[in-house]
Amino acid sequence: MKNKNLTAIVVGAGAGGGIVAKELAAANIQVTLFERGDWPSYDKHYNDELISQRVQDLGSSFGPDGKKNPRVIIHDDGSRTVARHAVNHVAACVGSGTVSYGAMAWRFMPEDFQMKSTYGAVEGSTLDDWPITYEDLEPYYDKAEYEIGVAGDMSGNPFAPNRHKPYPMPPFEYSKEGAYLAEVCQKMGLHPFYIPMLRNSVPYNGRGACIRNRFCVGFACPVNAKNGTHNTVIPVAMQTGNCLVKTNSFVYQVHIDGKGHATAVSYYDENNKSQTLEADIIVISASATETARLLLNSKTTEFPDGIGNNTDQVGRNLQGHSYTGAGALFDFDILDLNSGPNGTMAIMDYNHHNKGIIGGGLLANEFFAGPYAFTNNRPPGYPRWGKEHKKFQREGYRRFSQLFGPIQEMPVAGARVTVAEDVKDFWGVPVAAFSGGHHPLDKKHCQFLSAKAEEILRNAGAKETWRYGGGEGGQGGGQHQAGTCRMGNDPATSVTDPFGRIHETDNLYIADGSLMVTNGGFNPVLTIMALAYRTGEHIVKQWT
């Protein structure tokens, strides 16, 4: 079907949806971009750590409201807990997580797309190759880095994947801690380099440079120098005149006819009134959790168990990242609190091809923790209340260091998102339920990476070190959720084709982290963006 008056609906204005909306609008397709939250505002949500996206103990600055959006946790013994706080939620606002993220901008390595070919089959895991390679995605990494804006320099990293263009902005300089740890790593024969960031190191694309604000991750940027879809591609889409952004509008059902053709979506508008909108093309970009939930709640005669779920694959293979590493206390001030957000140095020496390890992860010095988060990061056995607690807060903060990183989890079919038919959200829609857990190798891999982190910190002269765990207990997903609607060539083991089109449909696509077969040993946002550019380009070529 090709015509000159195409309409499209994109559900979710985050890393993937914002980019697809821009690609379609630029091709003269009339796009309605749905977002369940509102436009973000730093002035409305200043640096209150307890409502930051990273802590959320008293709520989340950019949503969603946990009371209106409960989740169900299904435990191993079959018992259930209804959680009315943040559980596997990404931000609910225009830009979604790209408003408040730390903005690390990693490309996956070639091996990350060919994990089964590289390491072989893993018992108890659905580890597999992607239907595309790094070379297929590399041009779209370039496009994301330039259109969204990335600062970096990989010249000091011999493990970096091939690239055809330099970064558009120079890297951020090392922080005091980053410079010190980089020198230690070099003496150990490791290969430190500047962390690539979706943040302006210099003025770029009409917006100013980062002011080195101390509190960045979990918060909006006070000077609009952190680059997300809310301040890059979505405004461009709107400027074409072809993109309408509908905020405070929650899409709860996709309608499909008996021929595999998506016809419309139903949603609750800003007045909580149910509405229906038709379109020629529909793209779901609601996050690995919410995309699976939406498909499972959209039952039809053709798809009695939810759209795309005739082979029981929607919601399976939920992944996140098992973060691990080590902490340390020094007998001198290693942190400089006058310049933030501190995370600047990384190594990739332990990301692949480690004996007895499948995949691996990067290690980086961490962003500044707020005082509340710092309370939870102290060494084991230290007091958490009273006079000694306060003393440690005052004296330990500047002398505290972390090397931390995401371990690539082994996907398992039993780690999944389903819907709890008997638990409803504010609008009466069945909520997401989480079940399953980690593959046993996740814990082993975390122990490997945390030991490496502790070794570096000991070589740095720390007076006390301790390892963090990870890779066991609880459900996957979280802020780096992926995998619930994986792409592939075989409908028996995947939900979409290699371009994100749901098998057995002709015009229904996905463009978010749920497509990812594996989640790499890196923050996945740049890969989500690259996939969205590729899917958007494909839709334009197929439909115009």
Protein backbone atom coordinates (compact mmCIF):
# COMPACT_ATOMS: atom_id res chain seq x y z
CA MET A 1 0.00 0.00 0.00
CA LYS A 2 1.50 3.33 -1.09
CA ASN A 3 -0.32 6.64 -1.12
CA LYS A 4 0.33 10.34 -0.55
CA ASN A 5 -1.95 10.81 2.46
CA LEU A 6 -0.56 8.36 4.96
CA THR A 7 -1.29 8.61 8.67
CA ALA A 8 0.63 6.99 11.50
CA ILE A 9 0.27 6.52 15.24
CA VAL A 10 3.33 6.21 17.45
CA VAL A 11 2.68 5.05 21.02
CA GLY A 12 5.32 6.36 23.43
CA ALA A 13 7.53 9.44 23.06
CA GLY A 14 10.77 8.00 24.40
CA ALA A 15 14.09 7.02 22.83
CA GLY A 16 12.50 4.92 20.10
CA GLY A 17 9.12 6.56 19.56
CA GLY A 18 10.47 10.09 19.29
CA ILE A 19 12.88 9.07 16.56
CA VAL A 20 10.33 7.08 14.56
CA ALA A 21 7.89 9.99 14.77
CA LYS A 22 10.52 12.35 13.37
CA GLU A 23 11.49 9.97 10.53
CA LEU A 24 7.87 9.53 9.47
CA ALA A 25 6.93 13.21 9.83
CA ALA A 26 9.95 14.21 7.75
CA ALA A 27 8.62 11.94 5.00
CA ASN A 28 5.27 13.79 4.99
CA ILE A 29 3.40 11.13 6.92
CA GLN A 30 0.86 12.63 9.32
CA VAL A 31 1.92 11.37 12.74
CA THR A 32 0.08 11.36 16.06
CA LEU A 33 2.59 10.76 18.84
CA PHE A 34 0.95 9.52 22.04
CA GLU A 35 2.54 10.07 25.44
CA ARG A 36 0.91 8.99 28.70
CA GLY A 37 2.73 11.76 30.60
CA ASP A 38 3.37 15.44 30.01
CA TRP A 39 6.20 17.61 28.74
CA PRO A 40 9.09 17.57 31.24
CA SER A 41 10.05 20.69 33.14
CA TYR A 42 13.12 21.20 35.30
CA ASP A 43 11.44 24.11 37.07
CA LYS A 44 8.59 21.86 38.22
CA HIS A 45 10.92 19.04 39.29
CA TYR A 46 14.12 20.44 40.70
CA ASN A 47 16.90 18.40 42.33
CA ASP A 48 14.94 16.61 45.03
CA GLU A 49 16.74 13.30 45.39
CA LEU A 50 13.81 11.49 47.01
CA ILE A 51 11.62 11.97 43.91
CA SER A 52 14.40 11.55 41.37
CA GLN A 53 14.01 8.82 38.77
CA ARG A 54 16.89 6.91 40.36
CA VAL A 55 15.56 6.86 43.92
CA GLN A 56 11.74 7.31 43.71
CA ASP A 57 11.15 6.63 47.41
CA LEU A 58 8.64 9.48 47.55
CA GLY A 59 7.53 9.30 43.92
CA SER A 60 9.10 10.07 40.56
CA SER A 61 9.52 13.53 39.09
CA PHE A 62 8.58 12.45 35.60
CA GLY A 63 6.10 9.72 36.40
CA PRO A 64 4.36 7.46 36.32
CA ASP A 65 2.23 7.70 39.42
CA GLY A 66 2.75 4.37 41.19
CA LYS A 67 -0.67 4.51 42.86
CA LYS A 68 -2.40 4.77 39.49
CA ASN A 69 -0.09 2.22 37.87
CA PRO A 70 0.41 -0.78 40.18
CA ARG A 71 2.38 -3.82 39.17
CA VAL A 72 2.17 -7.45 40.24
CA ILE A 73 5.18 -9.51 41.27
CA ILE A 74 4.73 -13.27 40.97
CA HIS A 75 7.16 -15.03 43.30
CA ASP A 76 8.77 -18.40 42.70
CA ASP A 77 6.30 -20.13 45.01
CA GLY A 78 3.37 -18.69 43.03
CA SER A 79 2.41 -16.09 45.63
CA ARG A 80 1.85 -12.52 44.44
CA THR A 81 2.60 -9.03 45.64
CA VAL A 82 0.79 -5.96 44.32
CA ALA A 83 3.37 -3.18 44.21
CA ARG A 84 2.18 0.41 44.22
CA HIS A 85 5.60 1.96 43.83
CA ALA A 86 8.11 2.07 41.00
CA VAL A 87 8.63 -1.44 39.63
CA ASN A 88 10.19 -1.68 36.18
CA HIS A 89 8.80 1.72 35.26
CA VAL A 90 10.58 4.04 32.87
CA ALA A 91 9.76 7.73 33.05
CA ALA A 92 6.32 8.77 31.80
CA CYS A 93 6.89 12.06 29.99
CA VAL A 94 7.82 13.34 26.55
CA GLY A 95 11.37 12.05 26.14
CA SER A 96 10.80 9.34 28.77
CA GLY A 97 14.09 8.10 30.21
CA THR A 98 16.12 10.35 27.93
CA VAL A 99 15.10 13.30 30.13
CA SER A 100 16.63 11.97 33.33
CA TYR A 101 19.20 9.37 32.25
CA GLY A 102 22.92 9.59 32.92
CA ALA A 103 23.27 9.77 29.11
CA MET A 104 25.99 7.19 28.53
CA ALA A 105 26.01 6.56 24.78
CA TRP A 106 27.40 3.12 24.03
CA ARG A 107 27.47 1.19 20.80
CA PHE A 108 27.09 -2.54 21.23
CA MET A 109 30.06 -4.61 20.09
CA PRO A 110 29.86 -6.95 17.06
CA GLU A 111 29.82 -9.95 19.40
CA ASP A 112 26.71 -8.59 21.12
CA PHE A 113 24.73 -9.23 17.94
CA GLN A 114 26.12 -12.76 17.54
CA MET A 115 26.18 -14.12 21.08
CA LYS A 116 25.16 -17.68 20.23
CA SER A 117 27.61 -17.88 17.34
CA THR A 118 30.36 -16.46 19.55
CA TYR A 119 29.79 -18.52 22.70
CA GLY A 120 27.53 -21.40 21.68
CA ALA A 121 24.21 -22.46 23.13
CA VAL A 122 23.74 -22.00 26.88
CA GLU A 123 21.71 -24.59 28.77
CA GLY A 124 18.63 -23.06 30.35
CA SER A 125 18.95 -19.87 28.31
CA THR A 126 17.33 -18.61 25.12
CA LEU A 127 20.63 -16.96 24.11
CA ASP A 128 20.54 -16.37 20.37
CA ASP A 129 21.94 -14.26 17.55
CA TRP A 130 20.20 -11.13 16.39
CA PRO A 131 18.80 -11.26 12.84
CA ILE A 132 21.00 -8.23 12.07
CA THR A 133 24.71 -7.54 12.59
CA TYR A 134 26.69 -4.61 13.95
CA GLU A 135 27.50 -3.68 10.35
CA ASP A 136 23.77 -3.47 9.57
CA LEU A 137 23.21 -1.06 12.47
CA GLU A 138 26.44 0.97 12.26
CA PRO A 139 25.09 3.70 9.89
CA TYR A 140 22.18 4.27 12.27
CA TYR A 141 24.54 4.57 15.24
CA ASP A 142 26.19 7.37 13.25
CA LYS A 143 22.85 9.03 12.65
CA ALA A 144 21.86 8.85 16.32
CA GLU A 145 25.18 10.28 17.45
CA TYR A 146 24.87 13.26 15.12
CA GLU A 147 21.13 14.01 15.26
CA ILE A 148 20.71 13.48 19.01
CA GLY A 149 24.26 14.57 19.85
CA VAL A 150 27.09 12.57 21.44
CA ALA A 151 30.41 13.71 22.91
CA GLY A 152 33.21 11.14 22.93
CA ASP A 153 36.58 9.85 21.78
CA MET A 154 37.36 6.17 21.34
CA SER A 155 40.98 6.62 20.24
CA GLY A 156 42.21 5.21 23.56
CA ASN A 157 39.96 2.15 23.42
CA PRO A 158 41.34 -0.76 21.36
CA PHE A 159 38.16 -2.75 21.96
CA ALA A 160 35.81 -0.19 20.41
CA PRO A 161 33.79 -1.39 17.41
CA ASN A 162 34.63 0.04 14.01
CA ARG A 163 33.17 3.42 13.15
CA HIS A 164 33.19 5.47 9.96
CA LYS A 165 32.76 8.93 11.48
CA PRO A 166 34.22 10.62 14.54
CA TYR A 167 31.94 11.78 17.32
CA PRO A 168 30.32 15.16 16.58
CA MET A 169 31.55 16.65 19.87
CA PRO A 170 34.81 16.32 21.82
CA PRO A 171 34.71 14.15 24.95
CA PHE A 172 34.13 15.35 28.48
CA GLU A 173 37.34 15.74 30.44
CA TYR A 174 38.08 13.31 33.23
CA SER A 175 36.82 14.20 36.67
CA LYS A 176 39.35 14.18 39.51
CA GLU A 177 38.40 10.61 40.39
CA GLY A 178 38.25 9.57 36.74
CA ALA A 179 41.75 10.90 36.02
CA TYR A 180 43.20 9.18 39.08
CA LEU A 181 41.60 5.82 38.26
CA ALA A 182 42.56 6.13 34.58
CA GLU A 183 46.22 6.45 35.60
CA VAL A 184 45.91 3.39 37.83
CA CYS A 185 44.29 1.38 35.03
CA GLN A 186 47.04 2.31 32.60
CA LYS A 187 49.70 1.13 35.06
CA MET A 188 47.83 -2.17 35.29
CA GLY A 189 47.92 -2.59 31.50
CA LEU A 190 44.22 -1.75 31.07
CA HIS A 191 42.79 0.70 28.55
CA PRO A 192 40.82 3.62 30.07
CA PHE A 193 38.99 6.08 27.84
CA TYR A 194 36.40 8.86 28.00
CA ILE A 195 32.79 7.76 28.45
CA PRO A 196 30.70 8.76 25.40
CA MET A 197 27.82 10.96 26.49
CA LEU A 198 24.50 12.14 25.03
CA ARG A 199 25.35 15.52 26.49
CA ASN A 200 26.74 18.69 24.94
CA SER A 201 30.41 19.12 25.80
CA VAL A 202 30.29 22.23 23.59
CA PRO A 203 27.32 24.17 22.17
CA TYR A 204 25.58 21.92 19.67
CA ASN A 205 22.41 22.01 17.57
CA GLY A 206 21.32 25.38 18.95
CA ARG A 207 21.67 24.50 22.63
CA GLY A 208 24.41 25.34 25.10
CA ALA A 209 27.10 23.20 26.68
CA CYS A 210 26.90 21.22 29.90
CA ILE A 211 27.68 23.27 33.02
CA ARG A 212 29.04 20.23 34.92
CA ASN A 213 26.06 20.13 37.23
CA ARG A 214 26.64 17.77 40.15
CA PHE A 215 23.21 16.14 39.95
CA CYS A 216 22.54 14.82 36.46
CA VAL A 217 21.45 11.19 36.44
CA GLY A 218 17.88 10.94 37.71
CA PHE A 219 17.17 14.60 37.01
CA ALA A 220 16.35 16.89 34.12
CA CYS A 221 19.10 19.23 32.93
CA PRO A 222 18.73 22.82 34.20
CA VAL A 223 20.34 24.28 31.05
CA ASN A 224 18.90 21.81 28.50
CA ALA A 225 22.35 20.47 27.58
CA LYS A 226 21.46 16.79 28.07
CA ASN A 227 20.25 15.35 24.79
CA GLY A 228 17.04 13.35 24.60
CA THR A 229 14.24 12.97 22.12
CA HIS A 230 12.23 15.71 23.90
CA ASN A 231 14.69 18.44 22.88
CA THR A 232 16.02 17.06 19.58
CA VAL A 233 13.96 14.92 17.20
CA ILE A 234 10.47 15.51 18.59
CA PRO A 235 10.68 19.31 18.11
CA VAL A 236 12.01 18.65 14.60
CA ALA A 237 9.04 16.38 13.91
CA MET A 238 6.65 19.05 15.14
CA GLN A 239 8.30 21.73 13.02
CA THR A 240 7.47 19.76 9.87
CA GLY A 241 3.79 20.40 10.58
CA ASN A 242 3.21 16.66 10.29
CA CYS A 243 3.43 15.62 13.95
CA LEU A 244 0.86 16.15 16.69
CA VAL A 245 2.00 15.24 20.21
CA LYS A 246 -0.89 14.10 22.41
CA THR A 247 0.24 14.24 26.05
CA ASN A 248 -1.53 12.78 29.09
CA SER A 249 -3.02 10.20 26.73
CA PHE A 250 -2.76 6.54 27.70
CA VAL A 251 -3.13 4.01 24.87
CA TYR A 252 -4.66 0.80 26.20
CA GLN A 253 -5.69 -1.20 23.12
CA VAL A 254 -4.65 -1.78 19.52
CA HIS A 255 -7.38 -2.75 17.08
CA ILE A 256 -6.67 -5.16 14.25
CA ASP A 257 -8.89 -6.63 11.55
CA GLY A 258 -9.09 -10.26 10.51
CA LYS A 259 -6.39 -9.83 7.87
CA GLY A 260 -3.48 -8.84 10.10
CA HIS A 261 -3.98 -5.14 9.52
CA ALA A 262 -3.88 -2.74 12.48
CA THR A 263 -6.63 -0.17 12.12
CA ALA A 264 -6.70 2.02 15.25
CA VAL A 265 -5.82 2.49 18.91
CA SER A 266 -8.03 3.26 21.86
CA TYR A 267 -6.77 5.60 24.56
CA TYR A 268 -7.79 7.58 27.60
CA ASP A 269 -7.33 11.30 26.97
CA GLU A 270 -6.33 14.07 29.38
CA ASN A 271 -9.88 14.05 30.77
CA ASN A 272 -9.81 10.25 31.29
CA LYS A 273 -12.32 9.80 28.49
CA SER A 274 -11.93 6.82 26.17
CA GLN A 275 -11.24 7.76 22.53
CA THR A 276 -10.32 5.84 19.38
CA LEU A 277 -8.07 7.02 16.55
CA GLU A 278 -7.50 5.30 13.22
CA ALA A 279 -4.28 5.29 11.19
CA ASP A 280 -2.59 3.55 8.27
CA ILE A 281 0.53 2.63 10.27
CA ILE A 282 0.91 1.95 13.99
CA VAL A 283 4.21 1.86 15.88
CA ILE A 284 4.44 0.81 19.53
CA SER A 285 7.34 2.29 21.49
CA ALA A 286 6.11 2.07 25.06
CA SER A 287 9.08 0.21 26.70
CA ALA A 288 9.73 -3.51 26.99
CA THR A 289 7.23 -3.74 29.83
CA GLU A 290 4.42 -1.54 28.54
CA THR A 291 4.68 -2.66 24.91
CA ALA A 292 4.25 -6.28 25.99
CA ARG A 293 1.37 -5.30 28.27
CA LEU A 294 -0.39 -3.40 25.48
CA LEU A 295 -0.09 -6.30 23.04
CA LEU A 296 -1.28 -8.84 25.62
CA ASN A 297 -4.28 -6.65 26.49
CA SER A 298 -5.20 -6.30 22.79
CA LYS A 299 -6.99 -9.59 22.20
CA THR A 300 -8.72 -10.28 18.89
CA THR A 301 -10.25 -13.24 17.10
CA GLU A 302 -7.03 -13.61 15.13
CA PHE A 303 -4.88 -13.15 18.25
CA PRO A 304 -6.89 -14.57 21.16
CA ASP A 305 -3.91 -14.38 23.51
CA GLY A 306 -2.87 -10.90 22.47
CA ILE A 307 -1.53 -9.40 19.27
CA GLY A 308 1.64 -11.12 18.07
CA ASN A 309 1.35 -13.80 20.75
CA ASN A 310 0.14 -16.83 18.84
CA THR A 311 3.43 -18.61 19.56
CA ASP A 312 3.51 -17.45 23.20
CA GLN A 313 6.54 -15.20 22.75
CA VAL A 314 5.21 -11.77 23.76
CA GLY A 315 6.54 -10.86 27.18
CA ARG A 316 9.20 -13.56 27.34
CA ASN A 317 12.98 -13.07 27.62
CA LEU A 318 12.68 -9.99 29.82
CA GLN A 319 16.16 -8.65 30.48
CA GLY A 320 17.75 -5.76 32.25
CA HIS A 321 21.27 -5.38 33.57
CA SER A 322 22.75 -6.93 36.66
CA TYR A 323 24.82 -3.98 37.83
CA THR A 324 27.86 -4.89 39.86
CA GLY A 325 31.31 -3.68 40.80
CA ALA A 326 33.12 -2.56 43.91
CA GLY A 327 33.28 0.32 46.34
CA ALA A 328 36.22 1.79 48.19
CA LEU A 329 37.22 4.25 50.88
CA PHE A 330 40.44 6.21 50.58
CA ASP A 331 42.37 8.13 53.22
CA PHE A 332 42.29 11.22 50.99
CA ASP A 333 39.58 13.13 49.10
CA ILE A 334 39.20 11.39 45.73
CA LEU A 335 36.08 13.32 44.71
CA ASP A 336 35.92 16.94 43.61
CA LEU A 337 32.40 18.13 44.34
CA ASN A 338 32.86 21.36 42.38
CA SER A 339 32.48 19.66 39.01
CA GLY A 340 29.91 17.04 38.05
CA PRO A 341 28.39 14.71 37.31
CA ASN A 342 31.69 12.81 37.90
CA GLY A 343 31.25 9.65 35.77
CA THR A 344 33.82 10.16 32.98
CA MET A 345 36.18 7.15 32.73
CA ALA A 346 35.53 3.60 31.57
CA ILE A 347 37.28 0.41 30.52
CA MET A 348 36.02 -2.33 28.21
CA ASP A 349 38.81 -4.84 28.86
CA TYR A 350 36.35 -7.26 30.48
CA ASN A 351 33.46 -7.05 28.03
CA HIS A 352 34.13 -10.11 25.87
CA HIS A 353 36.45 -13.09 25.50
CA ASN A 354 37.12 -13.65 29.18
CA LYS A 355 37.88 -17.25 30.08
CA GLY A 356 34.78 -19.00 31.42
CA ILE A 357 32.58 -15.91 30.97
CA ILE A 358 29.86 -15.38 28.36
CA GLY A 359 29.85 -11.73 27.41
CA GLY A 360 30.78 -9.47 30.30
CA GLY A 361 30.43 -5.78 31.00
CA LEU A 362 32.13 -2.42 31.12
CA LEU A 363 33.42 -0.74 34.27
CA ALA A 364 33.12 3.00 34.85
CA ASN A 365 33.55 5.43 37.69
CA GLU A 366 30.14 6.41 38.97
CA PHE A 367 28.03 9.54 38.89
CA PHE A 368 27.79 11.47 42.14
CA ALA A 369 25.38 9.89 44.58
CA GLY A 370 23.01 12.04 46.56
CA PRO A 371 23.23 11.83 50.35
CA TYR A 372 20.33 9.38 50.57
CA ALA A 373 21.79 7.05 47.95
CA PHE A 374 25.19 7.35 49.62
CA THR A 375 23.65 5.95 52.80
CA ASN A 376 22.97 2.70 50.91
CA ASN A 377 26.44 2.54 49.31
CA ARG A 378 28.61 2.52 52.42
CA PRO A 379 30.78 -0.47 53.38
CA PRO A 380 29.09 -3.48 54.96
CA GLY A 381 28.70 -3.12 58.71
CA TYR A 382 28.85 0.66 58.87
CA PRO A 383 26.08 2.28 60.95
CA ARG A 384 23.07 3.63 59.08
CA TRP A 385 21.67 5.85 61.82
CA GLY A 386 22.78 7.88 64.81
CA LYS A 387 25.90 9.87 65.56
CA GLU A 388 28.33 7.51 63.81
CA HIS A 389 26.14 7.47 60.72
CA LYS A 390 26.21 11.25 60.53
CA LYS A 391 29.96 11.30 61.06
CA PHE A 392 30.47 8.88 58.19
CA GLN A 393 28.19 10.93 55.93
CA ARG A 394 30.33 14.01 56.59
CA GLU A 395 33.75 12.41 56.43
CA GLY A 396 33.28 9.53 54.01
CA TYR A 397 31.53 11.13 51.06
CA ARG A 398 34.55 12.76 49.40
CA ARG A 399 36.68 9.70 50.07
CA PHE A 400 34.26 7.22 48.55
CA SER A 401 34.76 5.69 45.11
CA GLN A 402 32.95 3.15 42.98
CA LEU A 403 33.73 1.22 39.83
CA PHE A 404 30.48 -0.10 38.48
CA GLY A 405 29.09 -1.68 35.34
CA PRO A 406 26.24 -3.59 33.70
CA ILE A 407 26.67 -7.32 33.17
CA GLN A 408 25.01 -8.81 30.10
CA GLU A 409 22.26 -11.06 31.44
CA MET A 410 21.53 -14.46 29.94
CA PRO A 411 17.98 -14.34 28.52
CA VAL A 412 15.57 -16.96 29.82
CA ALA A 413 12.07 -17.72 28.52
CA GLY A 414 10.64 -17.83 32.03
CA ALA A 415 11.61 -14.25 32.84
CA ARG A 416 8.56 -12.55 31.48
CA VAL A 417 5.84 -9.95 31.50
CA THR A 418 2.23 -11.12 31.58
CA VAL A 419 -0.95 -9.29 32.60
CA ALA A 420 -2.84 -9.73 35.83
CA GLU A 421 -6.46 -9.81 34.75
CA ASP A 422 -7.71 -9.28 38.31
CA VAL A 423 -5.53 -6.24 39.12
CA LYS A 424 -6.43 -3.05 37.31
CA ASP A 425 -4.82 0.35 36.97
CA PHE A 426 -6.56 3.71 37.46
CA TRP A 427 -8.36 3.31 34.13
CA GLY A 428 -9.47 -0.28 34.74
CA VAL A 429 -6.85 -1.87 32.46
CA PRO A 430 -5.13 -5.12 33.58
CA VAL A 431 -1.63 -4.34 34.83
CA ALA A 432 1.75 -5.87 34.06
CA ALA A 433 2.86 -8.87 36.10
CA PHE A 434 6.47 -10.01 36.40
CA SER A 435 7.65 -13.56 36.95
CA GLY A 436 10.83 -15.57 36.60
CA GLY A 437 14.34 -14.54 37.50
CA HIS A 438 17.98 -14.79 36.55
CA HIS A 439 19.98 -17.49 34.85
CA PRO A 440 22.58 -18.96 37.27
CA LEU A 441 25.41 -17.61 35.10
CA ASP A 442 24.38 -14.02 35.88
CA LYS A 443 25.65 -14.34 39.45
CA LYS A 444 28.91 -15.91 38.28
CA HIS A 445 29.46 -13.11 35.78
CA CYS A 446 28.75 -10.46 38.41
CA GLN A 447 31.28 -12.06 40.74
CA PHE A 448 33.84 -11.95 37.92
CA LEU A 449 33.32 -8.27 37.15
CA SER A 450 33.10 -7.14 40.77
CA ALA A 451 36.41 -8.88 41.50
CA LYS A 452 38.05 -6.96 38.65
CA ALA A 453 36.64 -3.69 39.95
CA GLU A 454 37.91 -4.41 43.46
CA GLU A 455 41.38 -5.26 42.11
CA ILE A 456 41.60 -1.85 40.42
CA LEU A 457 40.50 -0.01 43.55
CA ARG A 458 43.02 -1.88 45.67
CA ASN A 459 45.75 -0.97 43.20
CA ALA A 460 44.56 2.62 43.52
CA GLY A 461 45.51 2.55 47.21
CA ALA A 462 42.09 2.24 48.82
CA LYS A 463 42.24 1.60 52.54
CA GLU A 464 39.05 -0.46 52.40
CA THR A 465 37.22 -2.18 49.53
CA TRP A 466 34.08 -4.27 49.17
CA ARG A 467 32.27 -5.97 46.32
CA TYR A 468 28.69 -5.58 45.23
CA GLY A 469 26.65 -8.63 44.32
CA GLY A 470 24.12 -8.93 41.53
CA GLY A 471 22.67 -11.44 39.15
CA GLU A 472 20.30 -13.20 41.50
CA GLY A 473 16.89 -12.69 43.05
CA GLY A 474 14.05 -10.54 41.84
CA GLN A 475 12.86 -9.78 38.35
CA GLY A 476 14.91 -8.33 35.50
CA GLY A 477 14.16 -5.22 33.55
CA GLY A 478 14.32 -1.95 35.43
CA GLN A 479 15.73 1.13 33.78
CA HIS A 480 17.46 -0.93 31.06
CA GLN A 481 14.57 -3.25 30.25
CA ALA A 482 14.72 -5.18 27.00
CA GLY A 483 13.77 -8.33 25.19
CA THR A 484 10.03 -8.99 25.60
CA CYS A 485 9.23 -8.78 21.87
CA ARG A 486 12.47 -9.92 20.33
CA MET A 487 13.13 -9.58 16.63
CA GLY A 488 13.96 -12.59 14.47
CA ASN A 489 13.27 -14.48 11.28
CA ASP A 490 11.31 -17.35 12.85
CA PRO A 491 7.82 -16.51 14.23
CA ALA A 492 8.08 -19.52 16.52
CA THR A 493 10.85 -17.88 18.56
CA SER A 494 10.37 -14.15 17.91
CA VAL A 495 7.64 -11.50 17.82
CA THR A 496 8.80 -9.24 14.98
CA ASP A 497 10.80 -9.42 11.79
CA PRO A 498 14.27 -7.80 11.57
CA PHE A 499 12.70 -4.37 10.97
CA GLY A 500 10.38 -4.50 13.96
CA ARG A 501 7.18 -5.46 12.10
CA ILE A 502 5.07 -7.89 14.11
CA HIS A 503 4.84 -11.27 12.39
CA GLU A 504 1.38 -11.92 10.86
CA THR A 505 0.66 -8.19 10.53
CA ASP A 506 1.43 -5.85 7.67
CA ASN A 507 1.45 -2.42 9.33
CA LEU A 508 2.09 -2.88 13.06
CA TYR A 509 5.63 -2.20 14.25
CA ILE A 510 7.64 -2.02 17.47
CA ALA A 511 10.47 0.45 18.08
CA ASP A 512 11.88 0.14 21.58
CA GLY A 513 14.10 -2.08 23.72
CA SER A 514 11.67 -4.99 23.60
CA LEU A 515 13.07 -5.84 20.15
CA MET A 516 16.52 -6.61 21.48
CA VAL A 517 17.52 -10.28 21.43
CA THR A 518 20.25 -9.67 24.00
CA ASN A 519 21.00 -6.55 26.03
CA GLY A 520 24.76 -6.20 25.72
CA GLY A 521 27.14 -5.19 28.48
CA PHE A 522 26.29 -1.53 28.04
CA ASN A 523 23.53 1.01 28.66
CA PRO A 524 21.24 0.21 25.70
CA VAL A 525 19.76 3.62 24.81
CA LEU A 526 21.98 4.38 21.80
CA THR A 527 21.16 0.94 20.37
CA ILE A 528 17.43 1.58 20.88
CA MET A 529 17.86 4.88 19.03
CA ALA A 530 19.78 3.27 16.17
CA LEU A 531 17.13 0.56 15.81
CA ALA A 532 14.42 3.24 15.72
CA TYR A 533 16.18 5.10 12.91
CA ARG A 534 16.45 1.84 10.98
CA THR A 535 12.80 0.93 11.54
CA GLY A 536 11.63 4.45 10.67
CA GLU A 537 13.61 4.43 7.44
CA HIS A 538 12.19 1.02 6.54
CA ILE A 539 8.59 2.14 7.12
CA VAL A 540 9.11 5.18 4.90
CA LYS A 541 10.58 3.04 2.11
CA GLN A 542 7.80 0.46 2.36
CA TRP A 543 4.86 2.83 2.59
CA THR A 544 5.68 5.97 0.60
